[in-house]
Every structure is written in C-alpha cells, then in structure tokens.
Amino acid sequence: KNPEASLSDLAEMLSISRSGVNHRLRR
C-alpha cells in the first residue's frame, strides 16, 4: 500500500523499530 515509504515510515506505521522492519523484509 506504501511502495514509496522509507523504512522509518514503515516502522512508524507498524509501531516497531526500523531494524525490526529491516529484519522482517530480509526474511
């Protein structure tokens, strides 16, 4: 839904840390 969002933006949307978003994307 947000293809242009940064990792920080995604982290804010999901209420998790930026590193958490990065870890899930790697999985």
PDB file of all heavy atoms in Angstrom:
ATOM      1  N   LYS A   1       0.822  -1.209   0.000  1.00  0.00           N
ATOM      2  CA  LYS A   1       0.000   0.000   0.000  1.00  0.00           C
ATOM      3  C   LYS A   1       0.863   1.270   0.000  1.00  0.00           C
ATOM      4  O   LYS A   1       0.385   2.344  -0.387  1.00  0.00           O
ATOM      5  CB  LYS A   1      -0.922   0.014   1.211  1.00  0.00           C
ATOM      6  CG  LYS A   1      -2.041  -1.012   1.152  1.00  0.00           C
ATOM      7  CD  LYS A   1      -2.933  -0.897   2.380  1.00  0.00           C
ATOM      8  CE  LYS A   1      -4.088  -1.894   2.322  1.00  0.00           C
ATOM      9  NZ  LYS A   1      -4.963  -1.822   3.513  1.00  0.00           N
ATOM     10  N   ASN A   2       2.110   1.129   0.433  1.00  0.00           N
ATOM     11  CA  ASN A   2       3.004   2.297   0.533  1.00  0.00           C
ATOM     12  C   ASN A   2       4.358   1.967  -0.122  1.00  0.00           C
ATOM     13  O   ASN A   2       5.386   1.855   0.567  1.00  0.00           O
ATOM     14  CB  ASN A   2       3.225   2.688   1.997  1.00  0.00           C
ATOM     15  CG  ASN A   2       1.930   2.989   2.723  1.00  0.00           C
ATOM     16  OD1 ASN A   2       1.424   4.103   2.679  1.00  0.00           O
ATOM     17  ND2 ASN A   2       1.389   1.976   3.417  1.00  0.00           N
ATOM     18  N   PRO A   3       4.388   1.816  -1.439  1.00  0.00           N
ATOM     19  CA  PRO A   3       5.624   1.393  -2.114  1.00  0.00           C
ATOM     20  C   PRO A   3       6.755   2.418  -2.047  1.00  0.00           C
ATOM     21  O   PRO A   3       7.913   2.057  -2.248  1.00  0.00           O
ATOM     22  CB  PRO A   3       5.167   1.156  -3.560  1.00  0.00           C
ATOM     23  CG  PRO A   3       3.950   2.023  -3.719  1.00  0.00           C
ATOM     24  CD  PRO A   3       3.271   2.004  -2.391  1.00  0.00           C
ATOM     25  N   GLU A   4       6.444   3.676  -1.783  1.00  0.00           N
ATOM     26  CA  GLU A   4       7.478   4.712  -1.755  1.00  0.00           C
ATOM     27  C   GLU A   4       7.918   5.068  -0.340  1.00  0.00           C
ATOM     28  O   GLU A   4       8.782   5.919  -0.156  1.00  0.00           O
ATOM     29  CB  GLU A   4       6.973   5.978  -2.453  1.00  0.00           C
ATOM     30  CG  GLU A   4       6.650   5.771  -3.936  1.00  0.00           C
ATOM     31  CD  GLU A   4       6.166   7.035  -4.599  1.00  0.00           C
ATOM     32  OE1 GLU A   4       6.024   8.047  -3.896  1.00  0.00           O
ATOM     33  OE2 GLU A   4       5.929   7.019  -5.825  1.00  0.00           O
ATOM     34  N   ALA A   5       7.343   4.425   0.644  1.00  0.00           N
ATOM     35  CA  ALA A   5       7.670   4.749   2.041  1.00  0.00           C
ATOM     36  C   ALA A   5       9.063   4.252   2.396  1.00  0.00           C
ATOM     37  O   ALA A   5       9.520   3.216   1.903  1.00  0.00           O
ATOM     38  CB  ALA A   5       6.634   4.136   2.966  1.00  0.00           C
ATOM     39  N   SER A   6       9.741   4.992   3.263  1.00  0.00           N
ATOM     40  CA  SER A   6      11.057   4.577   3.742  1.00  0.00           C
ATOM     41  C   SER A   6      10.894   3.569   4.870  1.00  0.00           C
ATOM     42  O   SER A   6       9.786   3.343   5.373  1.00  0.00           O
ATOM     43  CB  SER A   6      11.833   5.791   4.250  1.00  0.00           C
ATOM     44  OG  SER A   6      11.198   6.333   5.396  1.00  0.00           O
ATOM     45  N   LEU A   7      11.999   2.971   5.267  1.00  0.00           N
ATOM     46  CA  LEU A   7      11.945   2.019   6.379  1.00  0.00           C
ATOM     47  C   LEU A   7      11.469   2.698   7.657  1.00  0.00           C
ATOM     48  O   LEU A   7      10.730   2.103   8.448  1.00  0.00           O
ATOM     49  CB  LEU A   7      13.325   1.394   6.597  1.00  0.00           C
ATOM     50  CG  LEU A   7      13.864   0.493   5.481  1.00  0.00           C
ATOM     51  CD1 LEU A   7      15.178  -0.145   5.911  1.00  0.00           C
ATOM     52  CD2 LEU A   7      12.859  -0.569   5.086  1.00  0.00           C
ATOM     53  N   SER A   8      11.882   3.941   7.835  1.00  0.00           N
ATOM     54  CA  SER A   8      11.446   4.678   9.017  1.00  0.00           C
ATOM     55  C   SER A   8       9.942   4.909   8.989  1.00  0.00           C
ATOM     56  O   SER A   8       9.259   4.815  10.027  1.00  0.00           O
ATOM     57  CB  SER A   8      12.187   6.011   9.110  1.00  0.00           C
ATOM     58  OG  SER A   8      13.576   5.800   9.238  1.00  0.00           O
ATOM     59  N   ASP A   9       9.428   5.217   7.793  1.00  0.00           N
ATOM     60  CA  ASP A   9       7.986   5.418   7.660  1.00  0.00           C
ATOM     61  C   ASP A   9       7.228   4.130   7.962  1.00  0.00           C
ATOM     62  O   ASP A   9       6.199   4.131   8.668  1.00  0.00           O
ATOM     63  CB  ASP A   9       7.648   5.902   6.247  1.00  0.00           C
ATOM     64  CG  ASP A   9       8.209   7.278   5.955  1.00  0.00           C
ATOM     65  OD1 ASP A   9       8.419   8.032   6.916  1.00  0.00           O
ATOM     66  OD2 ASP A   9       8.432   7.593   4.765  1.00  0.00           O
ATOM     67  N   LEU A  10       7.725   3.017   7.434  1.00  0.00           N
ATOM     68  CA  LEU A  10       7.088   1.722   7.694  1.00  0.00           C
ATOM     69  C   LEU A  10       7.139   1.384   9.178  1.00  0.00           C
ATOM     70  O   LEU A  10       6.157   0.852   9.738  1.00  0.00           O
ATOM     71  CB  LEU A  10       7.786   0.624   6.886  1.00  0.00           C
ATOM     72  CG  LEU A  10       7.642   0.702   5.358  1.00  0.00           C
ATOM     73  CD1 LEU A  10       8.474  -0.393   4.701  1.00  0.00           C
ATOM     74  CD2 LEU A  10       6.186   0.592   4.937  1.00  0.00           C
ATOM     75  N   ALA A  11       8.259   1.682   9.813  1.00  0.00           N
ATOM     76  CA  ALA A  11       8.394   1.402  11.245  1.00  0.00           C
ATOM     77  C   ALA A  11       7.361   2.191  12.052  1.00  0.00           C
ATOM     78  O   ALA A  11       6.754   1.668  12.995  1.00  0.00           O
ATOM     79  CB  ALA A  11       9.805   1.750  11.711  1.00  0.00           C
ATOM     80  N   GLU A  12       7.137   3.431  11.645  1.00  0.00           N
ATOM     81  CA  GLU A  12       6.150   4.254  12.341  1.00  0.00           C
ATOM     82  C   GLU A  12       4.734   3.715  12.118  1.00  0.00           C
ATOM     83  O   GLU A  12       3.915   3.694  13.050  1.00  0.00           O
ATOM     84  CB  GLU A  12       6.258   5.689  11.857  1.00  0.00           C
ATOM     85  CG  GLU A  12       5.363   6.674  12.596  1.00  0.00           C
ATOM     86  CD  GLU A  12       5.564   8.101  12.146  1.00  0.00           C
ATOM     87  OE1 GLU A  12       6.514   8.359  11.378  1.00  0.00           O
ATOM     88  OE2 GLU A  12       4.763   8.965  12.561  1.00  0.00           O
ATOM     89  N   MET A  13       4.437   3.262  10.903  1.00  0.00           N
ATOM     90  CA  MET A  13       3.111   2.715  10.611  1.00  0.00           C
ATOM     91  C   MET A  13       2.833   1.441  11.403  1.00  0.00           C
ATOM     92  O   MET A  13       1.689   1.184  11.822  1.00  0.00           O
ATOM     93  CB  MET A  13       2.987   2.418   9.112  1.00  0.00           C
ATOM     94  CG  MET A  13       3.077   3.633   8.214  1.00  0.00           C
ATOM     95  SD  MET A  13       3.095   3.162   6.463  1.00  0.00           S
ATOM     96  CE  MET A  13       3.500   4.744   5.690  1.00  0.00           C
ATOM     97  N   LEU A  14       3.888   0.639  11.589  1.00  0.00           N
ATOM     98  CA  LEU A  14       3.721  -0.659  12.263  1.00  0.00           C
ATOM     99  C   LEU A  14       4.013  -0.588  13.753  1.00  0.00           C
ATOM    100  O   LEU A  14       3.870  -1.607  14.457  1.00  0.00           O
ATOM    101  CB  LEU A  14       4.645  -1.687  11.609  1.00  0.00           C
ATOM    102  CG  LEU A  14       4.347  -2.016  10.144  1.00  0.00           C
ATOM    103  CD1 LEU A  14       5.474  -2.837   9.541  1.00  0.00           C
ATOM    104  CD2 LEU A  14       3.026  -2.757  10.017  1.00  0.00           C
ATOM    105  N   SER A  15       4.451   0.580  14.217  1.00  0.00           N
ATOM    106  CA  SER A  15       4.787   0.773  15.641  1.00  0.00           C
ATOM    107  C   SER A  15       5.884  -0.183  16.098  1.00  0.00           C
ATOM    108  O   SER A  15       5.823  -0.776  17.189  1.00  0.00           O
ATOM    109  CB  SER A  15       3.535   0.609  16.516  1.00  0.00           C
ATOM    110  OG  SER A  15       2.555   1.555  16.166  1.00  0.00           O
ATOM    111  N   ILE A  16       6.873  -0.374  15.243  1.00  0.00           N
ATOM    112  CA  ILE A  16       8.043  -1.169  15.607  1.00  0.00           C
ATOM    113  C   ILE A  16       9.288  -0.371  15.244  1.00  0.00           C
ATOM    114  O   ILE A  16       9.197   0.723  14.670  1.00  0.00           O
ATOM    115  CB  ILE A  16       8.052  -2.540  14.886  1.00  0.00           C
ATOM    116  CG1 ILE A  16       8.083  -2.347  13.360  1.00  0.00           C
ATOM    117  CG2 ILE A  16       6.847  -3.379  15.302  1.00  0.00           C
ATOM    118  CD1 ILE A  16       8.203  -3.646  12.601  1.00  0.00           C
ATOM    119  N   SER A  17      10.444  -0.941  15.547  1.00  0.00           N
ATOM    120  CA  SER A  17      11.687  -0.232  15.248  1.00  0.00           C
ATOM    121  C   SER A  17      12.048  -0.379  13.771  1.00  0.00           C
ATOM    122  O   SER A  17      11.555  -1.280  13.077  1.00  0.00           O
ATOM    123  CB  SER A  17      12.832  -0.777  16.105  1.00  0.00           C
ATOM    124  OG  SER A  17      13.113  -2.119  15.756  1.00  0.00           O
ATOM    125  N   ARG A  18      12.913   0.510  13.317  1.00  0.00           N
ATOM    126  CA  ARG A  18      13.368   0.448  11.927  1.00  0.00           C
ATOM    127  C   ARG A  18      14.127  -0.843  11.667  1.00  0.00           C
ATOM    128  O   ARG A  18      13.975  -1.470  10.606  1.00  0.00           O
ATOM    129  CB  ARG A  18      14.266   1.663  11.631  1.00  0.00           C
ATOM    130  CG  ARG A  18      14.703   1.787  10.173  1.00  0.00           C
ATOM    131  CD  ARG A  18      15.564   3.029  10.007  1.00  0.00           C
ATOM    132  NE  ARG A  18      15.968   3.233   8.618  1.00  0.00           N
ATOM    133  CZ  ARG A  18      16.962   2.612   8.024  1.00  0.00           C
ATOM    134  NH1 ARG A  18      17.674   1.702   8.710  1.00  0.00           N
ATOM    135  NH2 ARG A  18      17.266   2.857   6.759  1.00  0.00           N
ATOM    136  N   SER A  19      14.959  -1.245  12.634  1.00  0.00           N
ATOM    137  CA  SER A  19      15.705  -2.501  12.474  1.00  0.00           C
ATOM    138  C   SER A  19      14.758  -3.695  12.429  1.00  0.00           C
ATOM    139  O   SER A  19      15.029  -4.687  11.744  1.00  0.00           O
ATOM    140  CB  SER A  19      16.716  -2.666  13.617  1.00  0.00           C
ATOM    141  OG  SER A  19      16.040  -2.700  14.867  1.00  0.00           O
ATOM    142  N   GLY A  20      13.639  -3.582  13.144  1.00  0.00           N
ATOM    143  CA  GLY A  20      12.646  -4.656  13.097  1.00  0.00           C
ATOM    144  C   GLY A  20      12.037  -4.790  11.715  1.00  0.00           C
ATOM    145  O   GLY A  20      11.846  -5.905  11.203  1.00  0.00           O
ATOM    146  N   VAL A  21      11.725  -3.660  11.084  1.00  0.00           N
ATOM    147  CA  VAL A  21      11.195  -3.679   9.720  1.00  0.00           C
ATOM    148  C   VAL A  21      12.220  -4.287   8.773  1.00  0.00           C
ATOM    149  O   VAL A  21      11.889  -5.139   7.926  1.00  0.00           O
ATOM    150  CB  VAL A  21      10.830  -2.253   9.257  1.00  0.00           C
ATOM    151  CG1 VAL A  21      10.474  -2.241   7.779  1.00  0.00           C
ATOM    152  CG2 VAL A  21       9.677  -1.701  10.085  1.00  0.00           C
ATOM    153  N   ASN A  22      13.471  -3.863   8.907  1.00  0.00           N
ATOM    154  CA  ASN A  22      14.524  -4.366   8.033  1.00  0.00           C
ATOM    155  C   ASN A  22      14.704  -5.865   8.197  1.00  0.00           C
ATOM    156  O   ASN A  22      14.871  -6.607   7.213  1.00  0.00           O
ATOM    157  CB  ASN A  22      15.829  -3.634   8.350  1.00  0.00           C
ATOM    158  CG  ASN A  22      16.906  -3.896   7.311  1.00  0.00           C
ATOM    159  OD1 ASN A  22      16.650  -3.915   6.124  1.00  0.00           O
ATOM    160  ND2 ASN A  22      18.129  -4.096   7.779  1.00  0.00           N
ATOM    161  N   HIS A  23      14.617  -6.349   9.427  1.00  0.00           N
ATOM    162  CA  HIS A  23      14.766  -7.786   9.694  1.00  0.00           C
ATOM    163  C   HIS A  23      13.641  -8.583   9.026  1.00  0.00           C
ATOM    164  O   HIS A  23      13.885  -9.629   8.396  1.00  0.00           O
ATOM    165  CB  HIS A  23      14.762  -8.033  11.201  1.00  0.00           C
ATOM    166  CG  HIS A  23      14.830  -9.483  11.573  1.00  0.00           C
ATOM    167  ND1 HIS A  23      15.946 -10.258  11.349  1.00  0.00           N
ATOM    168  CD2 HIS A  23      13.890 -10.311  12.139  1.00  0.00           C
ATOM    169  CE1 HIS A  23      15.710 -11.500  11.763  1.00  0.00           C
ATOM    170  NE2 HIS A  23      14.465 -11.552  12.251  1.00  0.00           N
ATOM    171  N   ARG A  24      12.406  -8.096   9.104  1.00  0.00           N
ATOM    172  CA  ARG A  24      11.277  -8.799   8.512  1.00  0.00           C
ATOM    173  C   ARG A  24      11.351  -8.788   6.988  1.00  0.00           C
ATOM    174  O   ARG A  24      11.018  -9.781   6.328  1.00  0.00           O
ATOM    175  CB  ARG A  24       9.965  -8.163   8.981  1.00  0.00           C
ATOM    176  CG  ARG A  24       9.730  -8.337  10.475  1.00  0.00           C
ATOM    177  CD  ARG A  24       8.443  -7.677  10.935  1.00  0.00           C
ATOM    178  NE  ARG A  24       8.342  -7.724  12.400  1.00  0.00           N
ATOM    179  CZ  ARG A  24       7.299  -7.270  13.095  1.00  0.00           C
ATOM    180  NH1 ARG A  24       6.277  -6.724  12.454  1.00  0.00           N
ATOM    181  NH2 ARG A  24       7.286  -7.347  14.408  1.00  0.00           N
ATOM    182  N   LEU A  25      11.810  -7.673   6.433  1.00  0.00           N
ATOM    183  CA  LEU A  25      11.951  -7.615   4.981  1.00  0.00           C
ATOM    184  C   LEU A  25      13.021  -8.593   4.491  1.00  0.00           C
ATOM    185  O   LEU A  25      12.889  -9.170   3.409  1.00  0.00           O
ATOM    186  CB  LEU A  25      12.305  -6.186   4.548  1.00  0.00           C
ATOM    187  CG  LEU A  25      11.162  -5.163   4.625  1.00  0.00           C
ATOM    188  CD1 LEU A  25      11.685  -3.751   4.400  1.00  0.00           C
ATOM    189  CD2 LEU A  25      10.072  -5.493   3.604  1.00  0.00           C
ATOM    190  N   ARG A  26      14.044  -8.783   5.279  1.00  0.00           N
ATOM    191  CA  ARG A  26      15.080  -9.754   4.908  1.00  0.00           C
ATOM    192  C   ARG A  26      14.520 -11.181   4.924  1.00  0.00           C
ATOM    193  O   ARG A  26      14.876 -11.999   4.069  1.00  0.00           O
ATOM    194  CB  ARG A  26      16.267  -9.643   5.869  1.00  0.00           C
ATOM    195  CG  ARG A  26      17.122  -8.402   5.644  1.00  0.00           C
ATOM    196  CD  ARG A  26      18.296  -8.383   6.596  1.00  0.00           C
ATOM    197  NE  ARG A  26      19.153  -7.224   6.375  1.00  0.00           N
ATOM    198  CZ  ARG A  26      20.225  -6.938   7.110  1.00  0.00           C
ATOM    199  NH1 ARG A  26      20.549  -7.747   8.122  1.00  0.00           N
ATOM    200  NH2 ARG A  26      20.957  -5.876   6.854  1.00  0.00           N
ATOM    201  N   ARG A  27      13.650 -11.471   5.878  1.00  0.00           N
ATOM    202  CA  ARG A  27      13.023 -12.802   5.933  1.00  0.00           C
ATOM    203  C   ARG A  27      12.162 -13.035   4.690  1.00  0.00           C
ATOM    204  O   ARG A  27      12.181 -14.120   4.087  1.00  0.00           O
ATOM    205  CB  ARG A  27      12.189 -12.926   7.203  1.00  0.00           C
ATOM    206  CG  ARG A  27      13.043 -13.029   8.469  1.00  0.00           C
ATOM    207  CD  ARG A  27      12.219 -12.855   9.725  1.00  0.00           C
ATOM    208  NE  ARG A  27      11.156 -13.865   9.825  1.00  0.00           N
ATOM    209  CZ  ARG A  27      10.190 -13.822  10.739  1.00  0.00           C
ATOM    210  NH1 ARG A  27      10.157 -12.805  11.621  1.00  0.00           N
ATOM    211  NH2 ARG A  27       9.272 -14.762  10.785  1.00  0.00           N
TER     212      ARG A  27
END
